[in-house]
Amino acid sequence: MLDAIDIKILDRLQENARTKRNALAEEVGLSLPSLSDRLKKLEDNGIIEGYFTKVNRKIFGYDLMAFILVVMDSSKNYEKLSEKVLKTPEILECHSILGEGSHILKALVKDTEALEKLLSQIQSWPGVTRTITSFVLSTIKETTTIKL
């Protein structure tokens, strides 16, 4: 069970994962060893899944983000699709969905030529019958922070 101190730790780390441990310990009223123990338990229990750096994609030439709806002929090829997705670096996220289509992919590429190549690749995967692509014009909100 999480207590109020764990929630404070998690909230603070969601704001800034680079917060120094000694500053975090002071902020939540723990000694450094106690904080380190709590962080280890939060990690070991799968509550903290990782620490990430968000890189400005445009500096590296990744100017085109798209959401790709994947329609498959049946569920027998889901495992193959999963394997292909995991090996495709242009795909940032893959979600199995209900409704139209079976999966939605978030992809990041440098230009339309790269997107065309990616779509051709996805459409050749076993079981994929079609894709529907939406381009991202601008992003109003993009976060990994959740309310605790």
C-alpha atoms as a PDB file:
ATOM      1  CA  MET A   1       0.000   0.000   0.000  1.00  0.00           C
ATOM      2  CA  LEU A   2       1.194   3.485  -0.781  1.00  0.00           C
ATOM      3  CA  ASP A   3       1.176   6.151   1.899  1.00  0.00           C
ATOM      4  CA  ALA A   4       1.142   9.944   1.643  1.00  0.00           C
ATOM      5  CA  ILE A   5       4.956  10.115   1.506  1.00  0.00           C
ATOM      6  CA  ASP A   6       5.074   7.656  -1.411  1.00  0.00           C
ATOM      7  CA  ILE A   7       2.508   9.793  -3.248  1.00  0.00           C
ATOM      8  CA  LYS A   8       4.588  12.948  -2.606  1.00  0.00           C
ATOM      9  CA  ILE A   9       7.687  11.169  -3.922  1.00  0.00           C
ATOM     10  CA  LEU A  10       5.870   9.995  -7.045  1.00  0.00           C
ATOM     11  CA  ASP A  11       4.272  13.382  -7.691  1.00  0.00           C
ATOM     12  CA  ARG A  12       7.635  15.130  -7.392  1.00  0.00           C
ATOM     13  CA  LEU A  13       9.384  12.633  -9.671  1.00  0.00           C
ATOM     14  CA  GLN A  14       6.626  13.028 -12.263  1.00  0.00           C
ATOM     15  CA  GLU A  15       7.295  16.773 -12.214  1.00  0.00           C
ATOM     16  CA  ASN A  16      11.055  16.297 -12.515  1.00  0.00           C
ATOM     17  CA  ALA A  17      12.650  12.844 -12.599  1.00  0.00           C
ATOM     18  CA  ARG A  18      16.082  14.476 -12.214  1.00  0.00           C
ATOM     19  CA  THR A  19      15.298  15.734  -8.719  1.00  0.00           C
ATOM     20  CA  LYS A  20      18.352  14.950  -6.597  1.00  0.00           C
ATOM     21  CA  ARG A  21      17.738  12.343  -3.929  1.00  0.00           C
ATOM     22  CA  ASN A  22      18.934  14.537  -1.079  1.00  0.00           C
ATOM     23  CA  ALA A  23      16.576  17.356  -2.134  1.00  0.00           C
ATOM     24  CA  LEU A  24      13.717  14.891  -2.522  1.00  0.00           C
ATOM     25  CA  ALA A  25      14.426  13.344   0.889  1.00  0.00           C
ATOM     26  CA  GLU A  26      14.389  16.787   2.509  1.00  0.00           C
ATOM     27  CA  GLU A  27      11.197  17.768   0.679  1.00  0.00           C
ATOM     28  CA  VAL A  28       9.271  14.704   1.899  1.00  0.00           C
ATOM     29  CA  GLY A  29      10.852  14.616   5.379  1.00  0.00           C
ATOM     30  CA  LEU A  30      12.957  11.463   5.113  1.00  0.00           C
ATOM     31  CA  SER A  31      16.610  10.622   5.567  1.00  0.00           C
ATOM     32  CA  LEU A  32      18.516   9.839   2.390  1.00  0.00           C
ATOM     33  CA  PRO A  33      18.760   6.080   3.211  1.00  0.00           C
ATOM     34  CA  SER A  34      14.996   5.934   3.956  1.00  0.00           C
ATOM     35  CA  LEU A  35      14.195   7.666   0.683  1.00  0.00           C
ATOM     36  CA  SER A  36      16.505   5.316  -1.214  1.00  0.00           C
ATOM     37  CA  ASP A  37      14.765   2.308   0.376  1.00  0.00           C
ATOM     38  CA  ARG A  38      11.350   3.648  -0.617  1.00  0.00           C
ATOM     39  CA  LEU A  39      12.479   4.326  -4.193  1.00  0.00           C
ATOM     40  CA  LYS A  40      13.878   0.795  -4.467  1.00  0.00           C
ATOM     41  CA  LYS A  41      10.578  -0.674  -3.205  1.00  0.00           C
ATOM     42  CA  LEU A  42       8.587   1.498  -5.628  1.00  0.00           C
ATOM     43  CA  GLU A  43      10.811   0.276  -8.468  1.00  0.00           C
ATOM     44  CA  ASP A  44      10.805  -3.381  -7.351  1.00  0.00           C
ATOM     45  CA  ASN A  45       7.000  -3.373  -7.081  1.00  0.00           C
ATOM     46  CA  GLY A  46       6.649  -1.984 -10.592  1.00  0.00           C
ATOM     47  CA  ILE A  47       5.147   1.318  -9.438  1.00  0.00           C
ATOM     48  CA  ILE A  48       8.064   3.273 -10.889  1.00  0.00           C
ATOM     49  CA  GLU A  49       8.622   1.774 -14.332  1.00  0.00           C
ATOM     50  CA  GLY A  50      11.529   3.960 -15.389  1.00  0.00           C
ATOM     51  CA  TYR A  51      13.066   7.405 -15.685  1.00  0.00           C
ATOM     52  CA  PHE A  52      12.977   9.147 -19.049  1.00  0.00           C
ATOM     53  CA  THR A  53      14.449  12.053 -20.930  1.00  0.00           C
ATOM     54  CA  LYS A  54      12.229  13.854 -23.422  1.00  0.00           C
ATOM     55  CA  VAL A  55      14.260  14.942 -26.434  1.00  0.00           C
ATOM     56  CA  ASN A  56      13.176  17.745 -28.796  1.00  0.00           C
ATOM     57  CA  ARG A  57      12.332  15.651 -31.860  1.00  0.00           C
ATOM     58  CA  LYS A  58      12.478  18.564 -34.305  1.00  0.00           C
ATOM     59  CA  ILE A  59      16.148  19.236 -33.517  1.00  0.00           C
ATOM     60  CA  PHE A  60      16.863  15.757 -34.899  1.00  0.00           C
ATOM     61  CA  GLY A  61      14.724  16.256 -37.987  1.00  0.00           C
ATOM     62  CA  TYR A  62      11.669  14.263 -36.902  1.00  0.00           C
ATOM     63  CA  ASP A  63       9.019  16.611 -38.201  1.00  0.00           C
ATOM     64  CA  LEU A  64       6.084  14.318 -38.937  1.00  0.00           C
ATOM     65  CA  MET A  65       3.995  12.529 -36.323  1.00  0.00           C
ATOM     66  CA  ALA A  66       1.089  10.344 -37.359  1.00  0.00           C
ATOM     67  CA  PHE A  67      -1.470   8.041 -35.830  1.00  0.00           C
ATOM     68  CA  ILE A  68      -1.993   4.906 -37.880  1.00  0.00           C
ATOM     69  CA  LEU A  69      -5.118   2.824 -37.426  1.00  0.00           C
ATOM     70  CA  VAL A  70      -4.399  -0.789 -38.344  1.00  0.00           C
ATOM     71  CA  VAL A  71      -7.151  -3.087 -39.580  1.00  0.00           C
ATOM     72  CA  MET A  72      -6.360  -6.814 -39.472  1.00  0.00           C
ATOM     73  CA  ASP A  73      -8.132  -9.808 -40.970  1.00  0.00           C
ATOM     74  CA  SER A  74      -8.198 -11.746 -37.685  1.00  0.00           C
ATOM     75  CA  SER A  75      -6.618 -12.016 -34.262  1.00  0.00           C
ATOM     76  CA  LYS A  76      -4.400 -14.918 -35.336  1.00  0.00           C
ATOM     77  CA  ASN A  77      -1.736 -12.429 -36.502  1.00  0.00           C
ATOM     78  CA  TYR A  78      -1.669 -10.196 -33.393  1.00  0.00           C
ATOM     79  CA  GLU A  79       1.505 -11.830 -32.099  1.00  0.00           C
ATOM     80  CA  LYS A  80       3.276 -11.283 -35.430  1.00  0.00           C
ATOM     81  CA  LEU A  81       2.120  -7.660 -35.452  1.00  0.00           C
ATOM     82  CA  SER A  82       3.469  -7.200 -31.928  1.00  0.00           C
ATOM     83  CA  GLU A  83       6.848  -8.623 -32.953  1.00  0.00           C
ATOM     84  CA  LYS A  84       7.029  -6.304 -35.978  1.00  0.00           C
ATOM     85  CA  VAL A  85       6.025  -3.245 -33.931  1.00  0.00           C
ATOM     86  CA  LEU A  86       8.711  -3.932 -31.327  1.00  0.00           C
ATOM     87  CA  LYS A  87      11.345  -4.050 -34.081  1.00  0.00           C
ATOM     88  CA  THR A  88      10.212  -0.798 -35.753  1.00  0.00           C
ATOM     89  CA  PRO A  89      11.847   2.259 -34.150  1.00  0.00           C
ATOM     90  CA  GLU A  90       9.587   4.737 -35.956  1.00  0.00           C
ATOM     91  CA  ILE A  91       6.631   3.389 -33.959  1.00  0.00           C
ATOM     92  CA  LEU A  92       6.606   5.084 -30.557  1.00  0.00           C
ATOM     93  CA  GLU A  93       3.409   3.516 -29.226  1.00  0.00           C
ATOM     94  CA  CYS A  94       1.120   0.632 -30.096  1.00  0.00           C
ATOM     95  CA  HIS A  95      -2.281   0.139 -28.501  1.00  0.00           C
ATOM     96  CA  SER A  96      -4.692  -2.742 -29.030  1.00  0.00           C
ATOM     97  CA  ILE A  97      -8.136  -1.181 -29.377  1.00  0.00           C
ATOM     98  CA  LEU A  98     -11.840  -1.968 -29.654  1.00  0.00           C
ATOM     99  CA  GLY A  99     -13.980  -0.338 -32.309  1.00  0.00           C
ATOM    100  CA  GLU A 100     -12.775   0.281 -35.825  1.00  0.00           C
ATOM    101  CA  GLY A 101      -9.436  -1.396 -36.363  1.00  0.00           C
ATOM    102  CA  SER A 102      -7.441  -3.603 -34.049  1.00  0.00           C
ATOM    103  CA  HIS A 103      -4.466  -1.390 -33.183  1.00  0.00           C
ATOM    104  CA  ILE A 104      -3.506   2.250 -33.222  1.00  0.00           C
ATOM    105  CA  LEU A 105       0.121   3.225 -33.693  1.00  0.00           C
ATOM    106  CA  LYS A 106       1.836   6.493 -32.898  1.00  0.00           C
ATOM    107  CA  ALA A 107       4.649   6.962 -35.387  1.00  0.00           C
ATOM    108  CA  LEU A 108       7.371   9.565 -35.743  1.00  0.00           C
ATOM    109  CA  VAL A 109       9.275  10.037 -38.996  1.00  0.00           C
ATOM    110  CA  LYS A 110      11.378  12.721 -40.646  1.00  0.00           C
ATOM    111  CA  ASP A 111       9.201  13.397 -43.705  1.00  0.00           C
ATOM    112  CA  THR A 112       6.422  12.135 -45.961  1.00  0.00           C
ATOM    113  CA  GLU A 113       8.808   9.878 -47.861  1.00  0.00           C
ATOM    114  CA  ALA A 114       9.720   8.113 -44.618  1.00  0.00           C
ATOM    115  CA  LEU A 115       6.035   7.834 -43.691  1.00  0.00           C
ATOM    116  CA  GLU A 116       5.215   6.327 -47.066  1.00  0.00           C
ATOM    117  CA  LYS A 117       7.971   3.744 -46.558  1.00  0.00           C
ATOM    118  CA  LEU A 118       6.708   2.959 -43.036  1.00  0.00           C
ATOM    119  CA  LEU A 119       3.104   2.567 -44.232  1.00  0.00           C
ATOM    120  CA  SER A 120       4.238   0.245 -47.016  1.00  0.00           C
ATOM    121  CA  GLN A 121       6.134  -1.808 -44.454  1.00  0.00           C
ATOM    122  CA  ILE A 122       3.136  -2.018 -42.069  1.00  0.00           C
ATOM    123  CA  GLN A 123       0.749  -2.907 -44.896  1.00  0.00           C
ATOM    124  CA  SER A 124       2.994  -5.861 -45.825  1.00  0.00           C
ATOM    125  CA  TRP A 125       2.789  -7.393 -42.337  1.00  0.00           C
ATOM    126  CA  PRO A 126       0.841 -10.665 -42.033  1.00  0.00           C
ATOM    127  CA  GLY A 127      -2.878 -10.082 -41.492  1.00  0.00           C
ATOM    128  CA  VAL A 128      -2.884  -6.315 -42.083  1.00  0.00           C
ATOM    129  CA  THR A 129      -5.677  -5.547 -44.551  1.00  0.00           C
ATOM    130  CA  ARG A 130      -5.525  -1.755 -44.451  1.00  0.00           C
ATOM    131  CA  THR A 131      -4.338   1.295 -42.570  1.00  0.00           C
ATOM    132  CA  ILE A 132      -5.897   4.702 -41.963  1.00  0.00           C
ATOM    133  CA  THR A 133      -3.444   7.497 -41.212  1.00  0.00           C
ATOM    134  CA  SER A 134      -3.981  10.834 -39.479  1.00  0.00           C
ATOM    135  CA  PHE A 135      -1.244  13.482 -39.414  1.00  0.00           C
ATOM    136  CA  VAL A 136      -0.540  15.521 -36.286  1.00  0.00           C
ATOM    137  CA  LEU A 137      -0.573  19.234 -37.125  1.00  0.00           C
ATOM    138  CA  SER A 138       0.232  20.445 -33.619  1.00  0.00           C
ATOM    139  CA  THR A 139       0.239  19.056 -30.094  1.00  0.00           C
ATOM    140  CA  ILE A 140      -1.726  20.796 -27.372  1.00  0.00           C
ATOM    141  CA  LYS A 141      -0.912  18.307 -24.615  1.00  0.00           C
ATOM    142  CA  GLU A 142       1.448  15.361 -24.386  1.00  0.00           C
ATOM    143  CA  THR A 143       2.320  13.973 -20.986  1.00  0.00           C
ATOM    144  CA  THR A 144       3.095  10.843 -19.031  1.00  0.00           C
ATOM    145  CA  THR A 145       2.015  12.418 -15.739  1.00  0.00           C
ATOM    146  CA  ILE A 146      -0.995  10.857 -13.993  1.00  0.00           C
ATOM    147  CA  LYS A 147      -3.034  12.179 -11.080  1.00  0.00           C
ATOM    148  CA  LEU A 148      -2.285  10.168  -7.957  1.00  0.00           C
END
